[in-house]
Amino acid sequence: MDEESLLQFPCDFPLKIMGSGSPDFRQLVVDLVSRHAPDLDDTRIHVRDSRSGRYQSVTVVINARNRVQLDALYAELSGHPRITMVL
């Protein structure tokens, strides 16, 4: 176990990804997350539009295997130009 991590792996790990409210934003998020979590379950993906419809949040729950996987996933999501925030 990683001495600096409070997480015990493997574990369910929720991610909330926010960006522009376009029709293909959900698929973009799923494609990016699936690169790092190929076992992503479609029933664990939830989309919410902002009141104005200008923004969208996609919450996914992945089966996180280790810290390296999470760090790589955060880096890719945070670096994408269409993604505003990752929590």
PDB file of N, CA and C in Angstrom:
ATOM      1  N   MET A   1       0.844  -1.187   0.000  1.00  0.00           N
ATOM      2  CA  MET A   1       0.000   0.000   0.000  1.00  0.00           C
ATOM      3  C   MET A   1       0.884   1.243   0.000  1.00  0.00           C
ATOM      4  N   ASP A   2       0.480   2.235  -0.738  1.00  0.00           N
ATOM      5  CA  ASP A   2       1.200   3.504  -0.806  1.00  0.00           C
ATOM      6  C   ASP A   2       1.107   4.204   0.547  1.00  0.00           C
ATOM      7  N   GLU A   3       2.245   4.500   1.149  1.00  0.00           N
ATOM      8  CA  GLU A   3       2.291   5.100   2.479  1.00  0.00           C
ATOM      9  C   GLU A   3       1.637   6.483   2.523  1.00  0.00           C
ATOM     10  N   GLU A   4       1.667   7.233   1.422  1.00  0.00           N
ATOM     11  CA  GLU A   4       1.135   8.582   1.405  1.00  0.00           C
ATOM     12  C   GLU A   4      -0.343   8.640   1.038  1.00  0.00           C
ATOM     13  N   SER A   5      -0.921   7.541   0.638  1.00  0.00           N
ATOM     14  CA  SER A   5      -2.297   7.526   0.171  1.00  0.00           C
ATOM     15  C   SER A   5      -3.239   7.061   1.273  1.00  0.00           C
ATOM     16  N   LEU A   6      -4.382   7.715   1.363  1.00  0.00           N
ATOM     17  CA  LEU A   6      -5.411   7.283   2.295  1.00  0.00           C
ATOM     18  C   LEU A   6      -6.352   6.277   1.650  1.00  0.00           C
ATOM     19  N   LEU A   7      -6.179   6.074   0.358  1.00  0.00           N
ATOM     20  CA  LEU A   7      -7.012   5.131  -0.380  1.00  0.00           C
ATOM     21  C   LEU A   7      -6.428   3.736  -0.297  1.00  0.00           C
ATOM     22  N   GLN A   8      -7.311   2.770  -0.267  1.00  0.00           N
ATOM     23  CA  GLN A   8      -6.883   1.382  -0.372  1.00  0.00           C
ATOM     24  C   GLN A   8      -7.352   0.884  -1.732  1.00  0.00           C
ATOM     25  N   PHE A   9      -6.418   0.373  -2.509  1.00  0.00           N
ATOM     26  CA  PHE A   9      -6.734  -0.078  -3.863  1.00  0.00           C
ATOM     27  C   PHE A   9      -6.884  -1.582  -3.883  1.00  0.00           C
ATOM     28  N   PRO A  10      -7.716  -2.100  -4.780  1.00  0.00           N
ATOM     29  CA  PRO A  10      -8.644  -1.388  -5.686  1.00  0.00           C
ATOM     30  C   PRO A  10      -9.813  -0.813  -4.890  1.00  0.00           C
ATOM     31  N   CYS A  11     -10.413   0.245  -5.455  1.00  0.00           N
ATOM     32  CA  CYS A  11     -11.562   0.879  -4.812  1.00  0.00           C
ATOM     33  C   CYS A  11     -12.424   1.579  -5.860  1.00  0.00           C
ATOM     34  N   ASP A  12     -13.686   1.792  -5.505  1.00  0.00           N
ATOM     35  CA  ASP A  12     -14.560   2.605  -6.346  1.00  0.00           C
ATOM     36  C   ASP A  12     -14.151   4.059  -6.139  1.00  0.00           C
ATOM     37  N   PHE A  13     -13.962   4.778  -7.234  1.00  0.00           N
ATOM     38  CA  PHE A  13     -13.482   6.155  -7.148  1.00  0.00           C
ATOM     39  C   PHE A  13     -14.328   7.035  -8.058  1.00  0.00           C
ATOM     40  N   PRO A  14     -15.092   7.983  -7.479  1.00  0.00           N
ATOM     41  CA  PRO A  14     -15.910   8.879  -8.301  1.00  0.00           C
ATOM     42  C   PRO A  14     -15.105  10.046  -8.843  1.00  0.00           C
ATOM     43  N   LEU A  15     -15.373  10.410 -10.073  1.00  0.00           N
ATOM     44  CA  LEU A  15     -14.771  11.578 -10.723  1.00  0.00           C
ATOM     45  C   LEU A  15     -15.898  12.421 -11.300  1.00  0.00           C
ATOM     46  N   LYS A  16     -15.814  13.723 -11.115  1.00  0.00           N
ATOM     47  CA  LYS A  16     -16.781  14.637 -11.713  1.00  0.00           C
ATOM     48  C   LYS A  16     -16.016  15.494 -12.698  1.00  0.00           C
ATOM     49  N   ILE A  17     -16.422  15.426 -13.959  1.00  0.00           N
ATOM     50  CA  ILE A  17     -15.746  16.136 -15.038  1.00  0.00           C
ATOM     51  C   ILE A  17     -16.723  17.161 -15.602  1.00  0.00           C
ATOM     52  N   MET A  18     -16.296  18.421 -15.657  1.00  0.00           N
ATOM     53  CA  MET A  18     -17.169  19.487 -16.130  1.00  0.00           C
ATOM     54  C   MET A  18     -16.606  20.151 -17.375  1.00  0.00           C
ATOM     55  N   GLY A  19     -17.517  20.527 -18.257  1.00  0.00           N
ATOM     56  CA  GLY A  19     -17.118  21.187 -19.489  1.00  0.00           C
ATOM     57  C   GLY A  19     -18.310  21.759 -20.214  1.00  0.00           C
ATOM     58  N   SER A  20     -18.096  22.135 -21.457  1.00  0.00           N
ATOM     59  CA  SER A  20     -19.162  22.741 -22.261  1.00  0.00           C
ATOM     60  C   SER A  20     -20.285  21.745 -22.504  1.00  0.00           C
ATOM     61  N   GLY A  21     -21.507  22.269 -22.506  1.00  0.00           N
ATOM     62  CA  GLY A  21     -22.686  21.427 -22.669  1.00  0.00           C
ATOM     63  C   GLY A  21     -22.991  21.088 -24.109  1.00  0.00           C
ATOM     64  N   SER A  22     -22.095  20.389 -24.764  1.00  0.00           N
ATOM     65  CA  SER A  22     -22.333  19.991 -26.148  1.00  0.00           C
ATOM     66  C   SER A  22     -22.848  18.551 -26.183  1.00  0.00           C
ATOM     67  N   PRO A  23     -23.544  18.180 -27.257  1.00  0.00           N
ATOM     68  CA  PRO A  23     -24.130  16.836 -27.338  1.00  0.00           C
ATOM     69  C   PRO A  23     -23.108  15.697 -27.236  1.00  0.00           C
ATOM     70  N   ASP A  24     -21.868  15.954 -27.609  1.00  0.00           N
ATOM     71  CA  ASP A  24     -20.878  14.878 -27.594  1.00  0.00           C
ATOM     72  C   ASP A  24     -19.951  14.913 -26.369  1.00  0.00           C
ATOM     73  N   PHE A  25     -20.245  15.772 -25.381  1.00  0.00           N
ATOM     74  CA  PHE A  25     -19.352  15.881 -24.225  1.00  0.00           C
ATOM     75  C   PHE A  25     -19.303  14.588 -23.413  1.00  0.00           C
ATOM     76  N   ARG A  26     -20.445  13.949 -23.211  1.00  0.00           N
ATOM     77  CA  ARG A  26     -20.479  12.692 -22.466  1.00  0.00           C
ATOM     78  C   ARG A  26     -19.576  11.661 -23.129  1.00  0.00           C
ATOM     79  N   GLN A  27     -19.692  11.525 -24.440  1.00  0.00           N
ATOM     80  CA  GLN A  27     -18.890  10.528 -25.159  1.00  0.00           C
ATOM     81  C   GLN A  27     -17.398  10.860 -25.085  1.00  0.00           C
ATOM     82  N   LEU A  28     -17.064  12.135 -25.156  1.00  0.00           N
ATOM     83  CA  LEU A  28     -15.671  12.545 -25.014  1.00  0.00           C
ATOM     84  C   LEU A  28     -15.121  12.081 -23.664  1.00  0.00           C
ATOM     85  N   VAL A  29     -15.867  12.337 -22.596  1.00  0.00           N
ATOM     86  CA  VAL A  29     -15.440  11.936 -21.253  1.00  0.00           C
ATOM     87  C   VAL A  29     -15.304  10.421 -21.167  1.00  0.00           C
ATOM     88  N   VAL A  30     -16.293   9.700 -21.663  1.00  0.00           N
ATOM     89  CA  VAL A  30     -16.251   8.231 -21.622  1.00  0.00           C
ATOM     90  C   VAL A  30     -15.028   7.709 -22.374  1.00  0.00           C
ATOM     91  N   ASP A  31     -14.743   8.269 -23.543  1.00  0.00           N
ATOM     92  CA  ASP A  31     -13.576   7.833 -24.327  1.00  0.00           C
ATOM     93  C   ASP A  31     -12.277   8.074 -23.560  1.00  0.00           C
ATOM     94  N   LEU A  32     -12.136   9.245 -22.950  1.00  0.00           N
ATOM     95  CA  LEU A  32     -10.914   9.565 -22.209  1.00  0.00           C
ATOM     96  C   LEU A  32     -10.768   8.692 -20.972  1.00  0.00           C
ATOM     97  N   VAL A  33     -11.839   8.538 -20.219  1.00  0.00           N
ATOM     98  CA  VAL A  33     -11.787   7.729 -18.997  1.00  0.00           C
ATOM     99  C   VAL A  33     -11.523   6.263 -19.334  1.00  0.00           C
ATOM    100  N   SER A  34     -12.134   5.771 -20.399  1.00  0.00           N
ATOM    101  CA  SER A  34     -11.981   4.355 -20.776  1.00  0.00           C
ATOM    102  C   SER A  34     -10.551   3.985 -21.141  1.00  0.00           C
ATOM    103  N   ARG A  35      -9.760   4.954 -21.567  1.00  0.00           N
ATOM    104  CA  ARG A  35      -8.343   4.675 -21.844  1.00  0.00           C
ATOM    105  C   ARG A  35      -7.612   4.211 -20.587  1.00  0.00           C
ATOM    106  N   HIS A  36      -8.048   4.735 -19.453  1.00  0.00           N
ATOM    107  CA  HIS A  36      -7.385   4.437 -18.183  1.00  0.00           C
ATOM    108  C   HIS A  36      -8.165   3.431 -17.337  1.00  0.00           C
ATOM    109  N   ALA A  37      -9.457   3.319 -17.604  1.00  0.00           N
ATOM    110  CA  ALA A  37     -10.323   2.395 -16.876  1.00  0.00           C
ATOM    111  C   ALA A  37     -11.190   1.660 -17.887  1.00  0.00           C
ATOM    112  N   PRO A  38     -10.604   0.682 -18.583  1.00  0.00           N
ATOM    113  CA  PRO A  38     -11.332   0.002 -19.660  1.00  0.00           C
ATOM    114  C   PRO A  38     -12.571  -0.756 -19.190  1.00  0.00           C
ATOM    115  N   ASP A  39     -12.672  -1.010 -17.894  1.00  0.00           N
ATOM    116  CA  ASP A  39     -13.837  -1.727 -17.374  1.00  0.00           C
ATOM    117  C   ASP A  39     -14.943  -0.773 -16.912  1.00  0.00           C
ATOM    118  N   LEU A  40     -14.918   0.480 -17.370  1.00  0.00           N
ATOM    119  CA  LEU A  40     -15.927   1.468 -16.999  1.00  0.00           C
ATOM    120  C   LEU A  40     -17.319   0.927 -17.312  1.00  0.00           C
ATOM    121  N   ASP A  41     -18.183   0.973 -16.315  1.00  0.00           N
ATOM    122  CA  ASP A  41     -19.548   0.448 -16.418  1.00  0.00           C
ATOM    123  C   ASP A  41     -20.491   1.599 -16.790  1.00  0.00           C
ATOM    124  N   ASP A  42     -21.218   1.451 -17.874  1.00  0.00           N
ATOM    125  CA  ASP A  42     -22.122   2.494 -18.369  1.00  0.00           C
ATOM    126  C   ASP A  42     -23.179   2.893 -17.333  1.00  0.00           C
ATOM    127  N   THR A  43     -23.539   1.977 -16.437  1.00  0.00           N
ATOM    128  CA  THR A  43     -24.548   2.298 -15.415  1.00  0.00           C
ATOM    129  C   THR A  43     -23.973   3.197 -14.321  1.00  0.00           C
ATOM    130  N   ARG A  44     -22.658   3.413 -14.336  1.00  0.00           N
ATOM    131  CA  ARG A  44     -22.009   4.249 -13.325  1.00  0.00           C
ATOM    132  C   ARG A  44     -21.567   5.597 -13.905  1.00  0.00           C
ATOM    133  N   ILE A  45     -22.277   6.019 -14.952  1.00  0.00           N
ATOM    134  CA  ILE A  45     -22.025   7.304 -15.606  1.00  0.00           C
ATOM    135  C   ILE A  45     -23.303   8.137 -15.491  1.00  0.00           C
ATOM    136  N   HIS A  46     -23.175   9.342 -14.933  1.00  0.00           N
ATOM    137  CA  HIS A  46     -24.336  10.211 -14.765  1.00  0.00           C
ATOM    138  C   HIS A  46     -24.020  11.593 -15.318  1.00  0.00           C
ATOM    139  N   VAL A  47     -24.963  12.122 -16.086  1.00  0.00           N
ATOM    140  CA  VAL A  47     -24.776  13.426 -16.731  1.00  0.00           C
ATOM    141  C   VAL A  47     -25.784  14.408 -16.153  1.00  0.00           C
ATOM    142  N   ARG A  48     -25.287  15.621 -15.913  1.00  0.00           N
ATOM    143  CA  ARG A  48     -26.170  16.678 -15.422  1.00  0.00           C
ATOM    144  C   ARG A  48     -25.853  17.958 -16.177  1.00  0.00           C
ATOM    145  N   ASP A  49     -26.895  18.591 -16.701  1.00  0.00           N
ATOM    146  CA  ASP A  49     -26.744  19.864 -17.405  1.00  0.00           C
ATOM    147  C   ASP A  49     -26.919  21.017 -16.422  1.00  0.00           C
ATOM    148  N   SER A  50     -26.234  22.125 -16.685  1.00  0.00           N
ATOM    149  CA  SER A  50     -26.453  23.330 -15.887  1.00  0.00           C
ATOM    150  C   SER A  50     -27.828  23.892 -16.242  1.00  0.00           C
ATOM    151  N   ARG A  51     -28.305  24.810 -15.436  1.00  0.00           N
ATOM    152  CA  ARG A  51     -29.628  25.400 -15.705  1.00  0.00           C
ATOM    153  C   ARG A  51     -29.724  25.991 -17.094  1.00  0.00           C
ATOM    154  N   SER A  52     -28.666  26.673 -17.498  1.00  0.00           N
ATOM    155  CA  SER A  52     -28.684  27.330 -18.807  1.00  0.00           C
ATOM    156  C   SER A  52     -28.372  26.358 -19.946  1.00  0.00           C
ATOM    157  N   GLY A  53     -27.842  25.183 -19.610  1.00  0.00           N
ATOM    158  CA  GLY A  53     -27.459  24.220 -20.636  1.00  0.00           C
ATOM    159  C   GLY A  53     -26.091  24.507 -21.235  1.00  0.00           C
ATOM    160  N   ARG A  54     -25.453  25.539 -20.743  1.00  0.00           N
ATOM    161  CA  ARG A  54     -24.147  25.919 -21.286  1.00  0.00           C
ATOM    162  C   ARG A  54     -23.045  24.967 -20.824  1.00  0.00           C
ATOM    163  N   TYR A  55     -23.218  24.409 -19.630  1.00  0.00           N
ATOM    164  CA  TYR A  55     -22.224  23.493 -19.078  1.00  0.00           C
ATOM    165  C   TYR A  55     -22.852  22.148 -18.763  1.00  0.00           C
ATOM    166  N   GLN A  56     -21.987  21.173 -18.636  1.00  0.00           N
ATOM    167  CA  GLN A  56     -22.446  19.817 -18.349  1.00  0.00           C
ATOM    168  C   GLN A  56     -21.439  19.183 -17.397  1.00  0.00           C
ATOM    169  N   SER A  57     -21.931  18.382 -16.464  1.00  0.00           N
ATOM    170  CA  SER A  57     -21.021  17.617 -15.622  1.00  0.00           C
ATOM    171  C   SER A  57     -21.299  16.136 -15.864  1.00  0.00           C
ATOM    172  N   VAL A  58     -20.231  15.387 -15.960  1.00  0.00           N
ATOM    173  CA  VAL A  58     -20.329  13.946 -16.139  1.00  0.00           C
ATOM    174  C   VAL A  58     -19.626  13.320 -14.939  1.00  0.00           C
ATOM    175  N   THR A  59     -20.385  12.574 -14.156  1.00  0.00           N
ATOM    176  CA  THR A  59     -19.815  11.867 -13.009  1.00  0.00           C
ATOM    177  C   THR A  59     -19.660  10.399 -13.389  1.00  0.00           C
ATOM    178  N   VAL A  60     -18.468   9.896 -13.192  1.00  0.00           N
ATOM    179  CA  VAL A  60     -18.194   8.484 -13.453  1.00  0.00           C
ATOM    180  C   VAL A  60     -17.609   7.874 -12.186  1.00  0.00           C
ATOM    181  N   VAL A  61     -17.930   6.626 -11.956  1.00  0.00           N
ATOM    182  CA  VAL A  61     -17.320   5.891 -10.849  1.00  0.00           C
ATOM    183  C   VAL A  61     -16.502   4.777 -11.482  1.00  0.00           C
ATOM    184  N   ILE A  62     -15.188   4.819 -11.229  1.00  0.00           N
ATOM    185  CA  ILE A  62     -14.308   3.805 -11.812  1.00  0.00           C
ATOM    186  C   ILE A  62     -13.810   2.868 -10.729  1.00  0.00           C
ATOM    187  N   ASN A  63     -13.327   1.728 -11.146  1.00  0.00           N
ATOM    188  CA  ASN A  63     -12.648   0.803 -10.255  1.00  0.00           C
ATOM    189  C   ASN A  63     -11.162   1.163 -10.332  1.00  0.00           C
ATOM    190  N   ALA A  64     -10.711   1.981  -9.380  1.00  0.00           N
ATOM    191  CA  ALA A  64      -9.320   2.453  -9.388  1.00  0.00           C
ATOM    192  C   ALA A  64      -8.395   1.344  -8.893  1.00  0.00           C
ATOM    193  N   ARG A  65      -7.368   1.082  -9.686  1.00  0.00           N
ATOM    194  CA  ARG A  65      -6.418   0.006  -9.356  1.00  0.00           C
ATOM    195  C   ARG A  65      -5.231   0.496  -8.545  1.00  0.00           C
ATOM    196  N   ASN A  66      -4.783   1.739  -8.804  1.00  0.00           N
ATOM    197  CA  ASN A  66      -3.624   2.279  -8.088  1.00  0.00           C
ATOM    198  C   ASN A  66      -3.522   3.781  -8.312  1.00  0.00           C
ATOM    199  N   ARG A  67      -2.611   4.398  -7.587  1.00  0.00           N
ATOM    200  CA  ARG A  67      -2.430   5.846  -7.652  1.00  0.00           C
ATOM    201  C   ARG A  67      -1.908   6.295  -9.024  1.00  0.00           C
ATOM    202  N   VAL A  68      -1.054   5.496  -9.619  1.00  0.00           N
ATOM    203  CA  VAL A  68      -0.498   5.831 -10.934  1.00  0.00           C
ATOM    204  C   VAL A  68      -1.627   5.967 -11.959  1.00  0.00           C
ATOM    205  N   GLN A  69      -2.590   5.046 -11.921  1.00  0.00           N
ATOM    206  CA  GLN A  69      -3.739   5.097 -12.824  1.00  0.00           C
ATOM    207  C   GLN A  69      -4.516   6.403 -12.618  1.00  0.00           C
ATOM    208  N   LEU A  70      -4.792   6.752 -11.366  1.00  0.00           N
ATOM    209  CA  LEU A  70      -5.547   7.975 -11.078  1.00  0.00           C
ATOM    210  C   LEU A  70      -4.792   9.225 -11.508  1.00  0.00           C
ATOM    211  N   ASP A  71      -3.491   9.259 -11.254  1.00  0.00           N
ATOM    212  CA  ASP A  71      -2.689  10.415 -11.652  1.00  0.00           C
ATOM    213  C   ASP A  71      -2.692  10.603 -13.164  1.00  0.00           C
ATOM    214  N   ALA A  72      -2.555   9.514 -13.901  1.00  0.00           N
ATOM    215  CA  ALA A  72      -2.558   9.580 -15.369  1.00  0.00           C
ATOM    216  C   ALA A  72      -3.924  10.032 -15.888  1.00  0.00           C
ATOM    217  N   LEU A  73      -4.974   9.539 -15.273  1.00  0.00           N
ATOM    218  CA  LEU A  73      -6.332   9.908 -15.679  1.00  0.00           C
ATOM    219  C   LEU A  73      -6.587  11.390 -15.413  1.00  0.00           C
ATOM    220  N   TYR A  74      -6.249  11.859 -14.224  1.00  0.00           N
ATOM    221  CA  TYR A  74      -6.406  13.279 -13.914  1.00  0.00           C
ATOM    222  C   TYR A  74      -5.607  14.151 -14.873  1.00  0.00           C
ATOM    223  N   ALA A  75      -4.386  13.751 -15.167  1.00  0.00           N
ATOM    224  CA  ALA A  75      -3.536  14.543 -16.067  1.00  0.00           C
ATOM    225  C   ALA A  75      -4.164  14.649 -17.454  1.00  0.00           C
ATOM    226  N   GLU A  76      -4.654  13.537 -17.986  1.00  0.00           N
ATOM    227  CA  GLU A  76      -5.248  13.584 -19.320  1.00  0.00           C
ATOM    228  C   GLU A  76      -6.534  14.413 -19.332  1.00  0.00           C
ATOM    229  N   LEU A  77      -7.393  14.192 -18.342  1.00  0.00           N
ATOM    230  CA  LEU A  77      -8.647  14.942 -18.294  1.00  0.00           C
ATOM    231  C   LEU A  77      -8.391  16.438 -18.106  1.00  0.00           C
ATOM    232  N   SER A  78      -7.533  16.787 -17.167  1.00  0.00           N
ATOM    233  CA  SER A  78      -7.251  18.195 -16.870  1.00  0.00           C
ATOM    234  C   SER A  78      -6.575  18.907 -18.030  1.00  0.00           C
ATOM    235  N   GLY A  79      -5.832  18.171 -18.839  1.00  0.00           N
ATOM    236  CA  GLY A  79      -5.122  18.764 -19.956  1.00  0.00           C
ATOM    237  C   GLY A  79      -5.950  18.915 -21.218  1.00  0.00           C
ATOM    238  N   HIS A  80      -7.155  18.364 -21.229  1.00  0.00           N
ATOM    239  CA  HIS A  80      -7.981  18.437 -22.435  1.00  0.00           C
ATOM    240  C   HIS A  80      -8.630  19.816 -22.551  1.00  0.00           C
ATOM    241  N   PRO A  81      -8.575  20.440 -23.728  1.00  0.00           N
ATOM    242  CA  PRO A  81      -9.091  21.804 -23.895  1.00  0.00           C
ATOM    243  C   PRO A  81     -10.601  21.958 -23.676  1.00  0.00           C
ATOM    244  N   ARG A  82     -11.358  20.892 -23.817  1.00  0.00           N
ATOM    245  CA  ARG A  82     -12.820  21.005 -23.651  1.00  0.00           C
ATOM    246  C   ARG A  82     -13.263  20.740 -22.219  1.00  0.00           C
ATOM    247  N   ILE A  83     -12.343  20.360 -21.369  1.00  0.00           N
ATOM    248  CA  ILE A  83     -12.684  20.069 -19.974  1.00  0.00           C
ATOM    249  C   ILE A  83     -12.273  21.252 -19.112  1.00  0.00           C
ATOM    250  N   THR A  84     -13.252  21.767 -18.369  1.00  0.00           N
ATOM    251  CA  THR A  84     -13.043  22.949 -17.539  1.00  0.00           C
ATOM    252  C   THR A  84     -12.510  22.587 -16.158  1.00  0.00           C
ATOM    253  N   MET A  85     -13.020  21.497 -15.582  1.00  0.00           N
ATOM    254  CA  MET A  85     -12.649  21.145 -14.222  1.00  0.00           C
ATOM    255  C   MET A  85     -12.819  19.650 -13.991  1.00  0.00           C
ATOM    256  N   VAL A  86     -11.941  19.091 -13.139  1.00  0.00           N
ATOM    257  CA  VAL A  86     -12.040  17.687 -12.750  1.00  0.00           C
ATOM    258  C   VAL A  86     -11.986  17.627 -11.234  1.00  0.00           C
ATOM    259  N   LEU A  87     -12.980  17.022 -10.639  1.00  0.00           N
ATOM    260  CA  LEU A  87     -13.030  16.852  -9.187  1.00  0.00           C
ATOM    261  C   LEU A  87     -13.076  15.380  -8.820  1.00  0.00           C
TER     262      LEU A  87
END
